[in-house]
Amino acid sequence: MSIYNWLSNLFINFKTQKNVEDKLTRIFLKLREYASAESGYARGNLINLLKYSNIDLANYDFSPLAIKQADLRQVNMKSVHCQNAVFDKSVFSDK
């Protein structure tokens, strides 16, 4: 299933961008409790869903998490907390 299918299903089920953001944020906060490799992929997937839902990542706290395969191109990371975060197989913009 592509990320666009996931996004479509999220908006069908939760109706508004605010509801989608609230749900994804709650899941992300729950994943902070787990340190497994799988949770790193899940965090990356959630970050991708937030990004492609046009949700501003400002003031999100990614420290000290392991995050895998996050696509952070064209994301303003100035206000994102990343101290001691480990990004594996993730992509950042060169700006």
C-alpha atoms as a PDB file:
ATOM      1  CA  MET A   1       0.000   0.000   0.000  1.00  0.00           C
ATOM      2  CA  SER A   2       1.443   3.372  -0.964  1.00  0.00           C
ATOM      3  CA  ILE A   3       1.697   6.324   1.383  1.00  0.00           C
ATOM      4  CA  TYR A   4      -1.038   8.037  -0.618  1.00  0.00           C
ATOM      5  CA  ASN A   5      -3.424   5.137   0.050  1.00  0.00           C
ATOM      6  CA  TRP A   6      -2.630   5.416   3.762  1.00  0.00           C
ATOM      7  CA  LEU A   7      -3.252   9.156   3.684  1.00  0.00           C
ATOM      8  CA  SER A   8      -6.532   8.712   1.865  1.00  0.00           C
ATOM      9  CA  ASN A   9      -7.695   6.181   4.460  1.00  0.00           C
ATOM     10  CA  LEU A  10      -6.613   8.459   7.314  1.00  0.00           C
ATOM     11  CA  PHE A  11      -8.610  11.373   5.960  1.00  0.00           C
ATOM     12  CA  ILE A  12     -11.626   9.166   5.228  1.00  0.00           C
ATOM     13  CA  ASN A  13     -11.592   7.897   8.819  1.00  0.00           C
ATOM     14  CA  PHE A  14     -10.576  11.044  10.713  1.00  0.00           C
ATOM     15  CA  LYS A  15     -12.121  13.678   8.389  1.00  0.00           C
ATOM     16  CA  THR A  16      -9.882  16.693   9.141  1.00  0.00           C
ATOM     17  CA  GLN A  17      -6.170  17.430   9.073  1.00  0.00           C
ATOM     18  CA  LYS A  18      -6.312  18.294  12.795  1.00  0.00           C
ATOM     19  CA  ASN A  19      -7.856  14.906  13.637  1.00  0.00           C
ATOM     20  CA  VAL A  20      -5.248  13.116  11.505  1.00  0.00           C
ATOM     21  CA  GLU A  21      -2.458  15.059  13.209  1.00  0.00           C
ATOM     22  CA  ASP A  22      -3.839  14.286  16.675  1.00  0.00           C
ATOM     23  CA  LYS A  23      -4.081  10.571  15.906  1.00  0.00           C
ATOM     24  CA  LEU A  24      -0.600  10.328  14.352  1.00  0.00           C
ATOM     25  CA  THR A  25       0.900  12.336  17.213  1.00  0.00           C
ATOM     26  CA  ARG A  26      -0.687  10.032  19.807  1.00  0.00           C
ATOM     27  CA  ILE A  27       0.731   7.004  17.996  1.00  0.00           C
ATOM     28  CA  PHE A  28       4.146   8.674  17.748  1.00  0.00           C
ATOM     29  CA  LEU A  29       4.141   9.429  21.495  1.00  0.00           C
ATOM     30  CA  LYS A  30       3.192   5.817  22.247  1.00  0.00           C
ATOM     31  CA  LEU A  31       6.118   4.595  20.113  1.00  0.00           C
ATOM     32  CA  ARG A  32       8.522   6.643  22.281  1.00  0.00           C
ATOM     33  CA  GLU A  33       8.097   3.878  24.878  1.00  0.00           C
ATOM     34  CA  TYR A  34       9.602   1.210  22.604  1.00  0.00           C
ATOM     35  CA  ALA A  35      13.244   0.878  21.641  1.00  0.00           C
ATOM     36  CA  SER A  36      13.020  -1.961  19.123  1.00  0.00           C
ATOM     37  CA  ALA A  37      14.278  -1.741  15.557  1.00  0.00           C
ATOM     38  CA  GLU A  38      10.705  -2.079  14.301  1.00  0.00           C
ATOM     39  CA  SER A  39       9.657   1.028  16.221  1.00  0.00           C
ATOM     40  CA  GLY A  40      12.369   2.960  14.354  1.00  0.00           C
ATOM     41  CA  TYR A  41      10.696   2.045  11.073  1.00  0.00           C
ATOM     42  CA  ALA A  42       7.282   2.876  12.523  1.00  0.00           C
ATOM     43  CA  ARG A  43       8.535   6.297  13.659  1.00  0.00           C
ATOM     44  CA  GLY A  44       9.929   6.974  10.193  1.00  0.00           C
ATOM     45  CA  ASN A  45       6.644   5.948   8.603  1.00  0.00           C
ATOM     46  CA  LEU A  46       4.694   8.204  10.971  1.00  0.00           C
ATOM     47  CA  ILE A  47       6.990  11.131  10.209  1.00  0.00           C
ATOM     48  CA  ASN A  48       6.418  10.483   6.498  1.00  0.00           C
ATOM     49  CA  LEU A  49       2.647  10.413   7.020  1.00  0.00           C
ATOM     50  CA  LEU A  50       2.821  13.698   8.956  1.00  0.00           C
ATOM     51  CA  LYS A  51       4.942  15.278   6.234  1.00  0.00           C
ATOM     52  CA  TYR A  52       2.745  14.161   3.344  1.00  0.00           C
ATOM     53  CA  SER A  53      -0.344  15.292   5.286  1.00  0.00           C
ATOM     54  CA  ASN A  54       1.198  18.787   5.209  1.00  0.00           C
ATOM     55  CA  ILE A  55       1.475  18.829   8.994  1.00  0.00           C
ATOM     56  CA  ASP A  56       4.148  21.157  10.329  1.00  0.00           C
ATOM     57  CA  LEU A  57       6.786  19.226  12.271  1.00  0.00           C
ATOM     58  CA  ALA A  58       7.897  22.344  14.179  1.00  0.00           C
ATOM     59  CA  ASN A  59       8.297  21.638  17.887  1.00  0.00           C
ATOM     60  CA  TYR A  60       8.112  17.868  17.475  1.00  0.00           C
ATOM     61  CA  ASP A  61      10.605  16.107  19.726  1.00  0.00           C
ATOM     62  CA  PHE A  62      12.562  13.333  18.020  1.00  0.00           C
ATOM     63  CA  SER A  63      15.254  13.141  20.715  1.00  0.00           C
ATOM     64  CA  PRO A  64      16.690  10.602  21.601  1.00  0.00           C
ATOM     65  CA  LEU A  65      14.850   8.317  19.202  1.00  0.00           C
ATOM     66  CA  ALA A  66      16.009   5.920  16.514  1.00  0.00           C
ATOM     67  CA  ILE A  67      14.207   6.849  13.297  1.00  0.00           C
ATOM     68  CA  LYS A  68      14.496   4.847  10.093  1.00  0.00           C
ATOM     69  CA  GLN A  69      13.623   5.784   6.515  1.00  0.00           C
ATOM     70  CA  ALA A  70      12.163   9.210   7.220  1.00  0.00           C
ATOM     71  CA  ASP A  71      11.863  11.476   4.187  1.00  0.00           C
ATOM     72  CA  LEU A  72      12.705  14.907   5.571  1.00  0.00           C
ATOM     73  CA  ARG A  73      13.308  16.643   2.267  1.00  0.00           C
ATOM     74  CA  GLN A  74      11.539  19.996   2.113  1.00  0.00           C
ATOM     75  CA  VAL A  75      10.851  19.874   5.864  1.00  0.00           C
ATOM     76  CA  ASN A  76      11.799  22.891   7.951  1.00  0.00           C
ATOM     77  CA  MET A  77      13.799  21.266  10.756  1.00  0.00           C
ATOM     78  CA  LYS A  78      14.731  24.502  12.590  1.00  0.00           C
ATOM     79  CA  SER A  79      12.287  23.976  15.459  1.00  0.00           C
ATOM     80  CA  VAL A  80      12.394  20.169  15.522  1.00  0.00           C
ATOM     81  CA  HIS A  81      14.222  18.737  18.537  1.00  0.00           C
ATOM     82  CA  CYS A  82      16.712  16.102  17.363  1.00  0.00           C
ATOM     83  CA  GLN A  83      19.339  15.987  20.112  1.00  0.00           C
ATOM     84  CA  ASN A  84      20.765  12.442  20.297  1.00  0.00           C
ATOM     85  CA  ALA A  85      18.298  11.191  17.685  1.00  0.00           C
ATOM     86  CA  VAL A  86      19.649   8.567  15.322  1.00  0.00           C
ATOM     87  CA  PHE A  87      18.418   8.821  11.736  1.00  0.00           C
ATOM     88  CA  ASP A  88      19.091   5.675   9.724  1.00  0.00           C
ATOM     89  CA  LYS A  89      18.414   5.495   5.988  1.00  0.00           C
ATOM     90  CA  SER A  90      16.676   8.865   6.184  1.00  0.00           C
ATOM     91  CA  VAL A  91      16.833  11.645   3.626  1.00  0.00           C
ATOM     92  CA  PHE A  92      17.320  15.350   4.380  1.00  0.00           C
ATOM     93  CA  SER A  93      17.321  18.356   2.093  1.00  0.00           C
ATOM     94  CA  ASP A  94      20.609  20.010   1.304  1.00  0.00           C
ATOM     95  CA  LYS A  95      19.333  23.499   2.095  1.00  0.00           C
END
